[in-house]
Amino acid sequence: MTAPSLRILDGRDELLSQLRVLTAGQLAGSSLVVSLSDPIGGGLPCAIGQCPRPIQGNQLCTTHRDRWLAAGRPVLAGWAGGRPLGPATVDLGGLPETVRLELTFGILCARADPHPPTIALHRLRRLVTGLAEAGVASLLEPDEQSWPGAYRDGRTTGAL
């Protein structure tokens, strides 16, 4: 896969139009679908059957971990885990369209990079929540001196 190319444009409307074209078909509604092999949000597979979601703790994805805790923490080897799950998704619906498209474009570029940056699914979700709560209208909005310190999520020492 080759990275999509973005031409530097003068107007915000032109940039949005170009981002819409480059990211077309990448979102399911307002959600980004994440595969296990995805450098952005992917990871090791959940220990339950053919679950297509990455682990979040105790060798389980978030949903199976919650089900496992509700079932009283049975031995994983014999536990079925409930009905099968679909792939993991990240809801971008709380973000302005501009940020949604910018983030999707960045993820497309990372997927095409032979040595991509990586981020765990829970951190990606936290990033999206932090951007929505901070009211960021565009990832290009803050100046370089403001990133990343202006948008800390309070739960990690790193910035969003």
Protein backbone atom coordinates (compact mmCIF):
# COMPACT_ATOMS: atom_id res chain seq x y z
CA MET A 1 0.00 0.00 0.00
CA THR A 2 1.32 3.42 -0.86
CA ALA A 3 0.65 6.47 1.25
CA PRO A 4 -1.97 8.84 -0.13
CA SER A 5 -0.54 12.17 -1.18
CA LEU A 6 -1.96 15.47 -0.04
CA ARG A 7 -1.25 18.65 -1.94
CA ILE A 8 -0.75 21.76 0.16
CA LEU A 9 -3.63 24.07 -0.59
CA ASP A 10 -4.46 27.62 0.38
CA GLY A 11 -8.09 27.27 1.38
CA ARG A 12 -9.63 25.18 4.15
CA ASP A 13 -12.53 24.20 1.86
CA GLU A 14 -10.08 22.90 -0.73
CA LEU A 15 -8.25 20.91 1.94
CA LEU A 16 -11.51 19.40 3.21
CA SER A 17 -12.54 18.45 -0.32
CA GLN A 18 -9.22 16.73 -0.90
CA LEU A 19 -9.37 14.92 2.45
CA ARG A 20 -12.90 13.70 1.67
CA VAL A 21 -11.65 12.16 -1.57
CA LEU A 22 -8.53 10.61 -0.02
CA THR A 23 -10.39 9.09 2.94
CA ALA A 24 -13.54 7.99 1.07
CA GLY A 25 -14.62 4.52 2.11
CA GLN A 26 -12.33 4.38 5.15
CA LEU A 27 -15.01 4.98 7.76
CA ALA A 28 -18.05 2.86 8.57
CA GLY A 29 -20.43 5.73 9.30
CA SER A 30 -18.40 7.77 11.76
CA SER A 31 -16.33 4.81 12.99
CA LEU A 32 -12.87 3.68 12.01
CA VAL A 33 -12.56 -0.12 11.73
CA VAL A 34 -9.33 -1.45 13.26
CA SER A 35 -7.77 -4.79 12.31
CA LEU A 36 -5.29 -6.74 14.41
CA SER A 37 -2.51 -5.96 11.93
CA ASP A 38 -3.26 -2.23 12.01
CA PRO A 39 -0.34 -0.24 13.49
CA ILE A 40 -2.87 2.30 14.76
CA GLY A 41 -5.13 0.48 17.22
CA GLY A 42 -4.21 -3.10 16.32
CA GLY A 43 -2.18 -5.53 18.37
CA LEU A 44 -2.07 -9.07 19.68
CA PRO A 45 -5.30 -11.07 19.27
CA CYS A 46 -7.76 -11.65 22.07
CA ALA A 47 -7.40 -15.12 23.62
CA ILE A 48 -11.05 -16.02 22.98
CA GLY A 49 -11.56 -18.15 19.87
CA GLN A 50 -11.41 -16.22 16.64
CA CYS A 51 -12.02 -12.81 18.24
CA PRO A 52 -10.76 -10.15 15.79
CA ARG A 53 -10.04 -7.56 18.49
CA PRO A 54 -6.69 -6.68 20.11
CA ILE A 55 -6.00 -7.47 23.73
CA GLN A 56 -6.38 -4.78 26.38
CA GLY A 57 -5.43 -6.77 29.47
CA ASN A 58 -5.45 -10.32 30.83
CA GLN A 59 -5.04 -11.57 27.22
CA LEU A 60 -8.56 -10.34 26.42
CA CYS A 61 -10.12 -7.55 24.39
CA THR A 62 -12.16 -4.99 26.31
CA THR A 63 -15.52 -6.68 25.66
CA HIS A 64 -14.31 -10.16 26.56
CA ARG A 65 -12.54 -8.78 29.64
CA ASP A 66 -15.80 -7.20 30.80
CA ARG A 67 -17.69 -10.45 30.15
CA TRP A 68 -14.97 -12.46 31.92
CA LEU A 69 -15.15 -10.19 34.99
CA ALA A 70 -18.98 -10.42 35.02
CA ALA A 71 -18.70 -14.23 34.84
CA GLY A 72 -16.56 -14.23 38.00
CA ARG A 73 -13.11 -14.60 36.39
CA PRO A 74 -13.32 -18.24 35.25
CA VAL A 75 -10.26 -20.08 33.97
CA LEU A 76 -9.70 -18.74 30.46
CA ALA A 77 -8.81 -22.12 28.94
CA GLY A 78 -12.37 -23.42 29.28
CA TRP A 79 -14.33 -20.20 29.01
CA ALA A 80 -16.28 -19.57 25.77
CA GLY A 81 -16.61 -15.80 26.08
CA GLY A 82 -20.14 -15.40 24.74
CA ARG A 83 -21.28 -14.53 21.24
CA PRO A 84 -18.63 -13.72 18.61
CA LEU A 85 -17.58 -10.12 18.11
CA GLY A 86 -16.89 -8.06 15.02
CA PRO A 87 -13.69 -6.09 14.53
CA ALA A 88 -12.77 -3.27 16.89
CA THR A 89 -13.93 0.22 15.96
CA VAL A 90 -13.12 3.72 17.11
CA ASP A 91 -16.04 6.15 17.08
CA LEU A 92 -15.00 9.45 15.54
CA GLY A 93 -18.54 10.84 15.58
CA GLY A 94 -17.82 13.26 18.42
CA LEU A 95 -15.14 15.04 16.39
CA PRO A 96 -15.68 17.85 13.91
CA GLU A 97 -15.55 16.65 10.30
CA THR A 98 -12.19 18.33 9.75
CA VAL A 99 -10.53 16.48 12.65
CA ARG A 100 -12.24 13.22 11.68
CA LEU A 101 -10.82 13.50 8.14
CA GLU A 102 -7.36 14.66 9.29
CA LEU A 103 -7.11 11.78 11.76
CA THR A 104 -8.29 9.24 9.18
CA PHE A 105 -5.77 10.57 6.65
CA GLY A 106 -2.97 10.29 9.21
CA ILE A 107 -3.95 6.70 9.97
CA LEU A 108 -3.98 5.88 6.25
CA CYS A 109 -0.45 7.27 5.99
CA ALA A 110 0.68 5.21 9.00
CA ARG A 111 -0.83 2.06 7.49
CA ALA A 112 1.18 2.63 4.31
CA ASP A 113 4.47 3.34 6.12
CA PRO A 114 6.93 0.41 6.13
CA HIS A 115 7.98 1.42 9.66
CA PRO A 116 4.79 2.94 11.04
CA PRO A 117 4.25 4.57 14.39
CA THR A 118 2.06 2.43 16.63
CA ILE A 119 -0.59 3.22 19.19
CA ALA A 120 -2.72 0.86 21.29
CA LEU A 121 -6.48 0.85 20.76
CA HIS A 122 -7.28 2.23 24.23
CA ARG A 123 -4.84 5.12 23.68
CA LEU A 124 -6.34 5.87 20.27
CA ARG A 125 -9.80 6.00 21.85
CA ARG A 126 -8.45 8.24 24.62
CA LEU A 127 -6.89 10.51 21.99
CA VAL A 128 -10.23 10.85 20.19
CA THR A 129 -12.05 11.59 23.45
CA GLY A 130 -9.41 14.16 24.45
CA LEU A 131 -9.61 15.92 21.09
CA ALA A 132 -13.41 16.07 21.33
CA GLU A 133 -13.33 17.37 24.92
CA ALA A 134 -10.69 19.97 24.07
CA GLY A 135 -12.83 21.30 21.24
CA VAL A 136 -10.05 21.01 18.67
CA ALA A 137 -11.45 22.17 15.32
CA SER A 138 -8.44 21.01 13.27
CA LEU A 139 -5.20 19.18 13.98
CA LEU A 140 -3.54 22.06 12.17
CA GLU A 141 -5.09 24.58 14.57
CA PRO A 142 -2.56 24.83 17.43
CA ASP A 143 0.88 26.22 16.75
CA GLU A 144 3.89 23.94 17.17
CA GLN A 145 4.65 25.29 20.64
CA SER A 146 1.16 24.31 21.83
CA TRP A 147 1.43 20.66 20.78
CA PRO A 148 1.36 18.40 22.64
CA GLY A 149 1.19 20.08 26.05
CA ALA A 150 -2.11 21.89 25.56
CA TYR A 151 -4.11 18.67 25.22
CA ARG A 152 -3.05 16.36 28.00
CA ASP A 153 -5.63 13.81 29.04
CA GLY A 154 -4.75 13.75 32.74
CA ARG A 155 -4.37 9.97 32.86
CA THR A 156 -0.94 9.65 31.29
CA THR A 157 2.25 11.62 31.50
CA GLY A 158 2.35 11.80 27.72
CA ALA A 159 0.25 14.13 25.70
CA LEU A 160 -2.49 13.31 23.32
